[in-house]
Amino acid sequence: MTATRGFPGWEIIEGAGGGYIAIRTVLVPEHSALSNVRCGATLPELFEHLEEEARGRVNVTGRRGTARDRAG
């Protein structure tokens, strides 16, 4: 499967245990505050995660963090 719905730079595959995995085709540095891999139980959930990634990193509580928060 390839990136669709406006997510160039991501390859989307089905997970072995179910769900979907998006992997960046060109990896970003570890401390860039961006993800190289995003997962979702369904394609719509994965697309939502990729949209969050495009808007800016969302932390584990679901709140957007600032660059200062991520550095901390």
Protein backbone atom coordinates (compact mmCIF):
# COMPACT_ATOMS: atom_id res chain seq x y z
CA MET A 1 0.00 0.00 0.00
CA THR A 2 1.26 3.50 -0.66
CA ALA A 3 0.56 6.85 0.92
CA THR A 4 -2.84 8.25 0.08
CA ARG A 5 -5.12 11.08 1.18
CA GLY A 6 -2.38 13.67 0.96
CA PHE A 7 0.33 11.98 3.02
CA PRO A 8 3.33 11.94 0.70
CA GLY A 9 6.50 10.72 2.33
CA TRP A 10 4.74 7.92 4.21
CA GLU A 11 4.38 4.26 3.23
CA ILE A 12 1.31 2.62 4.76
CA ILE A 13 1.27 -1.13 5.46
CA GLU A 14 -1.06 -3.52 7.24
CA GLY A 15 0.16 -4.65 10.67
CA ALA A 16 0.80 -8.36 11.24
CA GLY A 17 -1.61 -8.42 14.18
CA GLY A 18 -4.14 -6.08 12.61
CA GLY A 19 -4.28 -2.34 12.21
CA TYR A 20 -2.12 -0.18 9.99
CA ILE A 21 1.39 1.25 10.18
CA ALA A 22 2.76 4.34 8.44
CA ILE A 23 6.53 4.53 7.99
CA ARG A 24 8.35 7.63 6.75
CA THR A 25 10.09 7.02 3.45
CA VAL A 26 12.87 9.40 4.56
CA LEU A 27 13.56 9.19 8.29
CA VAL A 28 13.73 12.30 10.47
CA PRO A 29 16.39 12.77 13.20
CA GLU A 30 15.62 11.31 16.64
CA HIS A 31 15.27 14.69 18.39
CA SER A 32 13.22 16.38 15.68
CA ALA A 33 9.93 16.04 17.64
CA LEU A 34 8.48 14.21 14.62
CA SER A 35 7.70 10.52 14.28
CA ASN A 36 9.17 8.05 11.84
CA VAL A 37 6.38 5.54 12.53
CA ARG A 38 2.68 6.10 13.30
CA CYS A 39 0.07 3.39 13.94
CA GLY A 40 -3.71 3.11 13.95
CA ALA A 41 -6.26 0.37 14.52
CA THR A 42 -8.14 1.52 11.41
CA LEU A 43 -7.19 3.56 8.35
CA PRO A 44 -9.28 6.54 9.53
CA GLU A 45 -7.49 6.46 12.90
CA LEU A 46 -4.09 6.25 11.18
CA PHE A 47 -5.03 9.16 8.90
CA GLU A 48 -5.99 11.17 12.00
CA HIS A 49 -2.57 10.46 13.52
CA LEU A 50 -0.83 11.48 10.31
CA GLU A 51 -2.85 14.72 10.23
CA GLU A 52 -1.74 15.40 13.83
CA GLU A 53 1.84 14.77 12.76
CA ALA A 54 1.45 17.24 9.89
CA ARG A 55 0.09 19.94 12.25
CA GLY A 56 2.76 19.41 14.88
CA ARG A 57 3.67 16.77 17.36
CA VAL A 58 0.92 15.70 19.79
CA ASN A 59 2.10 14.33 23.12
CA VAL A 60 0.77 11.18 24.80
CA THR A 61 -1.99 13.08 26.63
CA GLY A 62 -3.35 14.27 23.28
CA ARG A 63 -2.40 17.90 23.91
CA ARG A 64 -0.17 19.73 21.51
CA GLY A 65 3.18 20.48 23.03
CA THR A 66 5.36 23.46 22.32
CA ALA A 67 9.01 23.18 21.33
CA ARG A 68 9.87 24.12 24.92
CA ASP A 69 7.66 21.28 26.26
CA ARG A 70 9.33 18.76 23.96
CA ALA A 71 12.83 19.89 24.93
CA GLY A 72 12.06 19.44 28.58
